[in-house]
Amino acid sequence: MSETHPTGSGDDPAARKVPKTRSGAALILVILASLGVVTSLVGWWVRSTLFETDAFMEVVETSLASEEVTTVLGDAISEQVILVLDMEGRLEQGLGAIDTYLSESLADALDLSASAQSFFQRLDLFRLADLAAPIAAPVNQTIEEGVDDLVRSDAFQQTLPDAVAYAHQGAVALIRGETESLENVTVVDGEVRWYVLPLVARAIAYLFDADAFPLIVEPVEVPEITYDEPRSAMIVALGNALGKVLPADFGEVTVMSAETLEGWQSLARTLDRVVLLAILLTLALAVAAFVLSGDRRRTLVQFAFGSVIAVIVAWIVQRNVLEAVDAAIGGQSQRAAVDVLFEAVFASLRRVSLIYIV
């Protein structure tokens, strides 16, 4: 009785056998391709979302009205308003003028000699000007409360995205080194500063309209200041309205250190150079893995599983990045605001990642 042998090379173990070196190489390529997926995904998202103002604003616009963000913004604007208005100095000057008037009127009424007037002036008598500091404290508190009301108002919230978008354009230009016509974000004394003078001027006008100051402080006509006008001219215009010479860097808020900026600039340059290369390299690695594989279905499962694991690891890295940023920020309110904005930004990346996983 003759033996029956199976036919077809597909059933021959020798034919199905793939060298271990090829299997190992295919697995290594799968791992590298999986990492490439995450690199490509994050790089594409950074370029298309973080570095594009319209896409960035779509991500963070709803977060600008959060309590955390409005608190930080209100504090920053209040600090600038209190600095420029100098209520204690204004009150001291106004009350000092009243002191002088009362002293001269009393001297005339009593017909005091010049020596007697000089003697009384040297005495440590009570002066109205001494009340400047205690009066200024509640006035400054009123300023802070008024600015808080302003930044939470619907009218302000409608214009805030334009200010943030303008700042984002400047930040991206600064990160990419495109600083030829940069006006709204600058690097001074090792600090990156955001130009908020239009917001400060608007707050001052709002406070005068709301009669937030004592009667002794004369109202002023605050000029309309926009981001389209030259900064130096706007600072001079506001100073003239307030009767003060404002410093050239007035209306700037520090947002990060120059050292941190250098890190972002390095990252931006790297992303600009490698993101397209990373996508092409990932495709090449995936194709090579399938070519070398003896079981392409298994390789496909490995690639899918590996890339999903890599995406999950990227989510963990996001948390570590946020913790590192929090550790670098001093104030609790600033950390809370950054957490809100980062959560909105990372939520966008997580949505993109979930689409890939699905």
Protein backbone atom coordinates (compact mmCIF):
# COMPACT_ATOMS: atom_id res chain seq x y z
CA MET A 1 0.00 0.00 0.00
CA SER A 2 1.57 3.25 -1.08
CA GLU A 3 1.90 6.21 1.32
CA THR A 4 0.12 9.41 0.60
CA HIS A 5 2.16 12.58 1.09
CA PRO A 6 0.64 16.02 1.43
CA THR A 7 1.27 18.24 -1.52
CA GLY A 8 1.88 21.98 -1.68
CA SER A 9 4.83 23.85 -0.28
CA GLY A 10 2.54 25.80 2.05
CA ASP A 11 2.12 22.67 4.18
CA ASP A 12 5.81 21.90 4.28
CA PRO A 13 7.29 22.93 7.66
CA ALA A 14 10.60 23.58 6.00
CA ALA A 15 8.95 25.91 3.54
CA ARG A 16 7.05 27.70 6.27
CA LYS A 17 10.09 28.11 8.42
CA VAL A 18 11.46 31.66 8.56
CA PRO A 19 14.99 32.35 9.79
CA LYS A 20 15.08 33.63 13.35
CA THR A 21 17.17 36.58 12.24
CA ARG A 22 14.40 37.70 9.91
CA SER A 23 11.74 37.27 12.60
CA GLY A 24 13.86 39.17 15.10
CA ALA A 25 14.57 41.94 12.61
CA ALA A 26 10.87 42.20 11.77
CA LEU A 27 10.01 42.53 15.48
CA ILE A 28 12.61 45.26 15.96
CA LEU A 29 11.23 47.12 12.95
CA VAL A 30 7.71 46.81 14.39
CA ILE A 31 8.88 48.34 17.68
CA LEU A 32 10.66 51.19 15.87
CA ALA A 33 7.65 51.80 13.64
CA SER A 34 5.39 51.91 16.70
CA LEU A 35 7.58 54.57 18.27
CA GLY A 36 7.60 56.36 14.93
CA VAL A 37 3.82 56.48 14.96
CA VAL A 38 3.83 58.41 18.24
CA THR A 39 6.61 60.72 17.09
CA SER A 40 4.81 61.43 13.83
CA LEU A 41 1.45 61.87 15.53
CA VAL A 42 2.74 64.29 18.16
CA GLY A 43 4.91 66.17 15.68
CA TRP A 44 2.07 66.62 13.22
CA TRP A 45 -0.27 67.73 16.01
CA VAL A 46 2.23 70.28 17.37
CA ARG A 47 2.79 71.80 13.94
CA SER A 48 -0.88 71.83 12.95
CA THR A 49 -2.37 72.83 16.32
CA LEU A 50 0.11 74.47 18.71
CA PHE A 51 1.91 76.46 16.01
CA GLU A 52 -1.19 77.47 14.03
CA THR A 53 -3.05 80.34 15.68
CA ASP A 54 -6.55 79.53 14.35
CA ALA A 55 -6.30 75.88 15.39
CA PHE A 56 -4.79 76.82 18.76
CA MET A 57 -7.59 79.28 19.50
CA GLU A 58 -10.21 76.64 18.72
CA VAL A 59 -8.58 74.46 21.37
CA VAL A 60 -8.19 77.01 24.18
CA GLU A 61 -10.90 79.62 23.53
CA THR A 62 -13.47 78.04 25.83
CA SER A 63 -10.88 77.84 28.62
CA LEU A 64 -10.21 81.59 28.57
CA ALA A 65 -13.45 82.22 30.49
CA SER A 66 -12.51 79.79 33.29
CA GLU A 67 -12.15 81.09 36.82
CA GLU A 68 -8.48 80.11 36.93
CA VAL A 69 -7.54 82.02 33.78
CA THR A 70 -9.59 85.14 34.56
CA THR A 71 -8.06 85.28 38.05
CA VAL A 72 -4.51 85.27 36.71
CA LEU A 73 -5.34 87.73 33.95
CA GLY A 74 -7.13 90.03 36.39
CA ASP A 75 -4.16 89.97 38.77
CA ALA A 76 -1.72 90.78 35.96
CA ILE A 77 -3.80 93.70 34.67
CA SER A 78 -4.51 94.99 38.20
CA GLU A 79 -0.80 95.07 38.96
CA GLN A 80 -0.15 97.22 35.91
CA VAL A 81 -3.12 99.51 36.61
CA ILE A 82 -2.13 100.06 40.25
CA LEU A 83 1.44 100.77 39.16
CA VAL A 84 0.52 103.38 36.56
CA LEU A 85 -2.22 105.09 38.57
CA ASP A 86 -0.04 105.30 41.71
CA MET A 87 -2.98 106.15 43.94
CA GLU A 88 -0.82 106.70 47.00
CA GLY A 89 1.33 109.23 45.14
CA ARG A 90 -1.71 110.97 43.68
CA LEU A 91 -3.40 111.17 47.08
CA GLU A 92 -0.24 112.37 48.77
CA GLN A 93 0.11 115.13 46.18
CA GLY A 94 -3.54 116.17 46.40
CA LEU A 95 -3.73 116.05 50.20
CA GLY A 96 -0.36 117.79 50.43
CA ALA A 97 -1.76 120.66 48.40
CA ILE A 98 -4.66 120.89 50.86
CA ASP A 99 -2.16 120.87 53.76
CA THR A 100 -0.29 123.76 52.19
CA TYR A 101 -3.51 125.70 51.60
CA LEU A 102 -4.70 125.19 55.19
CA SER A 103 -1.30 126.11 56.61
CA GLU A 104 -1.10 129.30 54.61
CA SER A 105 -4.72 130.21 55.41
CA LEU A 106 -4.12 129.64 59.13
CA ALA A 107 -0.94 131.74 59.04
CA ASP A 108 -2.80 134.58 57.34
CA ALA A 109 -5.71 134.36 59.77
CA LEU A 110 -3.39 134.46 62.82
CA ASP A 111 -1.07 136.97 61.17
CA LEU A 112 1.97 134.84 61.99
CA SER A 113 5.43 136.06 61.22
CA ALA A 114 7.69 134.25 58.78
CA SER A 115 9.77 132.83 61.66
CA ALA A 116 6.64 131.55 63.41
CA GLN A 117 5.41 129.90 60.21
CA SER A 118 8.82 128.26 59.75
CA PHE A 119 8.71 127.02 63.35
CA PHE A 120 5.29 125.42 62.97
CA GLN A 121 6.34 123.80 59.70
CA ARG A 122 9.21 122.08 61.51
CA LEU A 123 6.90 120.61 64.14
CA ASP A 124 5.78 117.01 63.70
CA LEU A 125 2.13 117.91 63.33
CA PHE A 126 -0.60 115.83 61.75
CA ARG A 127 -0.88 116.30 58.00
CA LEU A 128 -3.61 115.17 55.66
CA ALA A 129 -0.89 113.80 53.35
CA ASP A 130 -0.18 111.21 56.06
CA LEU A 131 -3.54 109.66 55.19
CA ALA A 132 -2.44 108.88 51.63
CA ALA A 133 -1.25 105.35 52.36
CA PRO A 134 -4.25 104.19 54.44
CA ILE A 135 -6.67 105.71 51.91
CA ALA A 136 -4.81 104.22 48.95
CA ALA A 137 -5.01 100.66 50.32
CA PRO A 138 -8.82 100.28 50.00
CA VAL A 139 -8.73 102.20 46.71
CA ASN A 140 -6.24 99.67 45.32
CA GLN A 141 -8.51 96.91 46.56
CA THR A 142 -11.37 98.57 44.68
CA ILE A 143 -9.17 98.64 41.57
CA GLU A 144 -8.52 94.91 41.86
CA GLU A 145 -12.22 94.18 42.29
CA GLY A 146 -13.12 96.45 39.38
CA VAL A 147 -10.60 94.75 37.08
CA ASP A 148 -11.92 91.35 38.15
CA ASP A 149 -15.44 92.48 37.22
CA LEU A 150 -14.14 93.73 33.87
CA VAL A 151 -12.31 90.54 32.86
CA ARG A 152 -15.38 88.47 33.75
CA SER A 153 -17.75 90.66 31.76
CA ASP A 154 -19.22 89.41 28.49
CA ALA A 155 -17.89 92.42 26.58
CA PHE A 156 -14.32 91.75 27.70
CA GLN A 157 -14.57 88.01 27.08
CA GLN A 158 -15.66 88.72 23.51
CA THR A 159 -12.47 90.68 22.81
CA LEU A 160 -10.05 88.59 24.90
CA PRO A 161 -9.57 85.87 22.22
CA ASP A 162 -8.26 88.54 19.82
CA ALA A 163 -5.65 89.58 22.39
CA VAL A 164 -4.65 85.97 23.04
CA ALA A 165 -4.50 85.19 19.32
CA TYR A 166 -2.30 88.24 18.78
CA ALA A 167 -0.01 87.07 21.58
CA HIS A 168 0.06 83.55 20.15
CA GLN A 169 1.17 84.86 16.76
CA GLY A 170 4.00 86.71 18.45
CA ALA A 171 4.95 83.70 20.57
CA VAL A 172 5.12 81.41 17.54
CA ALA A 173 7.19 83.98 15.65
CA LEU A 174 9.49 84.26 18.65
CA ILE A 175 9.83 80.49 19.00
CA ARG A 176 10.64 80.13 15.31
CA GLY A 177 13.05 83.05 15.43
CA GLU A 178 10.95 85.19 13.07
CA THR A 179 11.38 88.39 15.09
CA GLU A 180 11.79 90.99 12.33
CA SER A 181 8.41 92.65 12.93
CA LEU A 182 7.67 91.30 16.39
CA GLU A 183 5.80 93.84 18.52
CA ASN A 184 3.62 92.03 21.03
CA VAL A 185 6.05 89.55 22.57
CA THR A 186 9.62 90.48 23.49
CA VAL A 187 12.66 89.12 25.33
CA VAL A 188 14.05 91.56 27.89
CA ASP A 189 16.55 90.90 30.69
CA GLY A 190 16.22 87.13 30.36
CA GLU A 191 12.41 87.24 30.41
CA VAL A 192 9.77 86.66 27.74
CA ARG A 193 7.10 89.33 28.12
CA TRP A 194 3.57 89.65 26.75
CA TYR A 195 2.42 93.14 25.71
CA VAL A 196 -0.93 93.81 27.43
CA LEU A 197 -1.09 97.63 27.29
CA PRO A 198 -4.41 97.67 25.35
CA LEU A 199 -5.99 95.56 28.11
CA VAL A 200 -4.50 97.81 30.81
CA ALA A 201 -5.79 100.98 29.11
CA ARG A 202 -9.21 99.43 28.78
CA ALA A 203 -9.23 98.59 32.49
CA ILE A 204 -8.25 102.15 33.45
CA ALA A 205 -11.02 103.60 31.30
CA TYR A 206 -13.50 101.15 32.83
CA LEU A 207 -12.51 102.16 36.37
CA PHE A 208 -12.87 105.89 35.66
CA ASP A 209 -16.27 105.30 34.05
CA ALA A 210 -17.32 103.32 37.13
CA ASP A 211 -16.23 106.18 39.49
CA ALA A 212 -13.95 103.79 41.35
CA PHE A 213 -11.62 106.54 42.62
CA PRO A 214 -11.91 109.19 45.35
CA LEU A 215 -13.16 112.64 44.35
CA ILE A 216 -9.70 114.06 44.87
CA VAL A 217 -8.48 112.05 41.85
CA GLU A 218 -9.38 113.93 38.71
CA PRO A 219 -10.81 111.82 35.86
CA VAL A 220 -8.80 111.53 32.66
CA GLU A 221 -9.64 110.78 29.05
CA VAL A 222 -7.93 107.46 28.40
CA PRO A 223 -6.86 107.12 24.75
CA GLU A 224 -7.99 104.10 22.77
CA ILE A 225 -5.04 101.76 22.43
CA THR A 226 -4.93 98.88 19.98
CA TYR A 227 -2.40 96.23 19.00
CA ASP A 228 -2.13 97.73 15.52
CA GLU A 229 -0.52 100.95 16.74
CA PRO A 230 3.22 101.28 17.51
CA ARG A 231 3.88 100.34 21.10
CA SER A 232 6.13 103.28 21.95
CA ALA A 233 3.57 105.81 20.70
CA MET A 234 0.79 104.17 22.71
CA ILE A 235 2.86 104.22 25.92
CA VAL A 236 3.55 107.93 25.43
CA ALA A 237 -0.13 108.63 24.72
CA LEU A 238 -1.28 106.87 27.89
CA GLY A 239 1.42 108.58 29.94
CA ASN A 240 0.38 112.00 28.64
CA ALA A 241 -3.25 111.29 29.56
CA LEU A 242 -2.24 110.29 33.09
CA GLY A 243 0.34 113.05 33.47
CA LYS A 244 3.21 110.63 33.89
CA VAL A 245 6.28 109.51 32.01
CA LEU A 246 5.84 105.78 31.62
CA PRO A 247 8.81 103.42 31.21
CA ALA A 248 9.42 101.98 27.76
CA ASP A 249 8.53 98.49 28.99
CA PHE A 250 5.26 99.45 30.65
CA GLY A 251 2.33 97.15 29.93
CA GLU A 252 4.44 94.00 29.67
CA VAL A 253 3.78 90.82 31.67
CA THR A 254 6.44 88.15 32.10
CA VAL A 255 5.26 84.76 30.81
CA MET A 256 8.45 82.65 30.85
CA SER A 257 12.21 82.84 31.12
CA ALA A 258 14.47 83.22 28.11
CA GLU A 259 16.03 79.87 29.03
CA THR A 260 12.65 78.18 28.71
CA LEU A 261 12.12 79.94 25.39
CA GLU A 262 15.39 78.52 24.09
CA GLY A 263 14.12 75.05 24.89
CA TRP A 264 10.91 75.67 22.93
CA GLN A 265 12.87 77.15 20.05
CA SER A 266 15.06 74.06 19.93
CA LEU A 267 11.98 71.83 19.96
CA ALA A 268 10.33 73.85 17.19
CA ARG A 269 13.39 73.67 14.97
CA THR A 270 13.62 69.93 15.56
CA LEU A 271 9.95 69.38 14.77
CA ASP A 272 10.14 71.48 11.61
CA ARG A 273 13.04 69.35 10.42
CA VAL A 274 11.99 65.85 11.43
CA VAL A 275 8.20 65.60 11.42
CA LEU A 276 7.92 64.86 7.69
CA LEU A 277 10.98 62.64 7.87
CA ALA A 278 9.46 60.80 10.85
CA ILE A 279 6.26 60.06 8.92
CA LEU A 280 8.18 58.74 5.90
CA LEU A 281 10.55 56.73 8.10
CA THR A 282 7.64 55.20 10.02
CA LEU A 283 6.03 54.07 6.77
CA ALA A 284 9.35 52.64 5.56
CA LEU A 285 9.89 50.74 8.83
CA ALA A 286 6.37 49.32 8.73
CA VAL A 287 6.75 48.17 5.12
CA ALA A 288 10.14 46.61 5.86
CA ALA A 289 8.69 44.76 8.86
CA PHE A 290 5.95 43.24 6.71
CA VAL A 291 8.45 42.27 3.99
CA LEU A 292 10.68 40.45 6.47
CA SER A 293 7.82 38.89 8.41
CA GLY A 294 6.90 35.25 7.92
CA ASP A 295 3.45 35.82 9.40
CA ARG A 296 2.13 39.18 8.25
CA ARG A 297 -1.12 38.85 10.18
CA ARG A 298 0.84 38.44 13.39
CA THR A 299 3.09 41.37 12.44
CA LEU A 300 0.03 43.52 11.81
CA VAL A 301 -1.32 42.67 15.27
CA GLN A 302 2.09 43.40 16.81
CA PHE A 303 2.28 46.74 15.04
CA ALA A 304 -1.23 47.73 16.11
CA PHE A 305 -0.65 46.64 19.70
CA GLY A 306 2.78 48.28 19.87
CA SER A 307 1.62 51.62 18.49
CA VAL A 308 -1.35 51.71 20.89
CA ILE A 309 0.99 51.04 23.82
CA ALA A 310 3.27 53.80 22.55
CA VAL A 311 0.33 56.22 22.39
CA ILE A 312 -0.62 55.37 25.99
CA VAL A 313 2.98 55.96 27.06
CA ALA A 314 2.80 59.35 25.32
CA TRP A 315 -0.24 60.19 27.47
CA ILE A 316 1.81 59.40 30.57
CA VAL A 317 4.58 61.66 29.28
CA GLN A 318 2.01 64.45 28.91
CA ARG A 319 1.27 64.22 32.62
CA ASN A 320 4.97 64.38 33.42
CA VAL A 321 5.34 67.45 31.21
CA LEU A 322 2.49 69.18 33.06
CA GLU A 323 4.02 68.32 36.43
CA ALA A 324 7.37 69.73 35.28
CA VAL A 325 5.69 72.95 34.14
CA ASP A 326 3.83 73.24 37.44
CA ALA A 327 7.07 72.81 39.35
CA ALA A 328 8.64 75.68 37.37
CA ILE A 329 5.78 78.09 38.15
CA GLY A 330 5.85 79.89 41.46
CA GLY A 331 2.30 81.02 42.20
CA GLN A 332 -0.63 78.76 42.96
CA SER A 333 -3.04 80.77 40.83
CA GLN A 334 -0.64 80.72 37.87
CA ARG A 335 -0.28 76.94 38.17
CA ALA A 336 -4.06 76.54 38.23
CA ALA A 337 -4.44 78.63 35.06
CA VAL A 338 -1.68 76.70 33.28
CA ASP A 339 -3.32 73.41 34.29
CA VAL A 340 -6.61 74.52 32.71
CA LEU A 341 -4.96 75.59 29.45
CA PHE A 342 -2.73 72.52 29.27
CA GLU A 343 -5.72 70.27 29.89
CA ALA A 344 -7.51 71.88 26.95
CA VAL A 345 -4.43 71.52 24.75
CA PHE A 346 -3.72 67.92 25.72
CA ALA A 347 -7.38 67.01 25.34
CA SER A 348 -7.00 67.89 21.67
CA LEU A 349 -3.99 65.58 21.37
CA ARG A 350 -5.82 62.80 23.20
CA ARG A 351 -8.73 63.09 20.76
CA VAL A 352 -6.35 62.73 17.83
CA SER A 353 -4.71 59.76 19.55
CA LEU A 354 -8.04 58.09 20.23
CA ILE A 355 -9.01 58.43 16.59
CA TYR A 356 -5.79 56.65 15.67
CA ILE A 357 -6.37 53.91 18.25
CA VAL A 358 -9.89 53.29 17.00
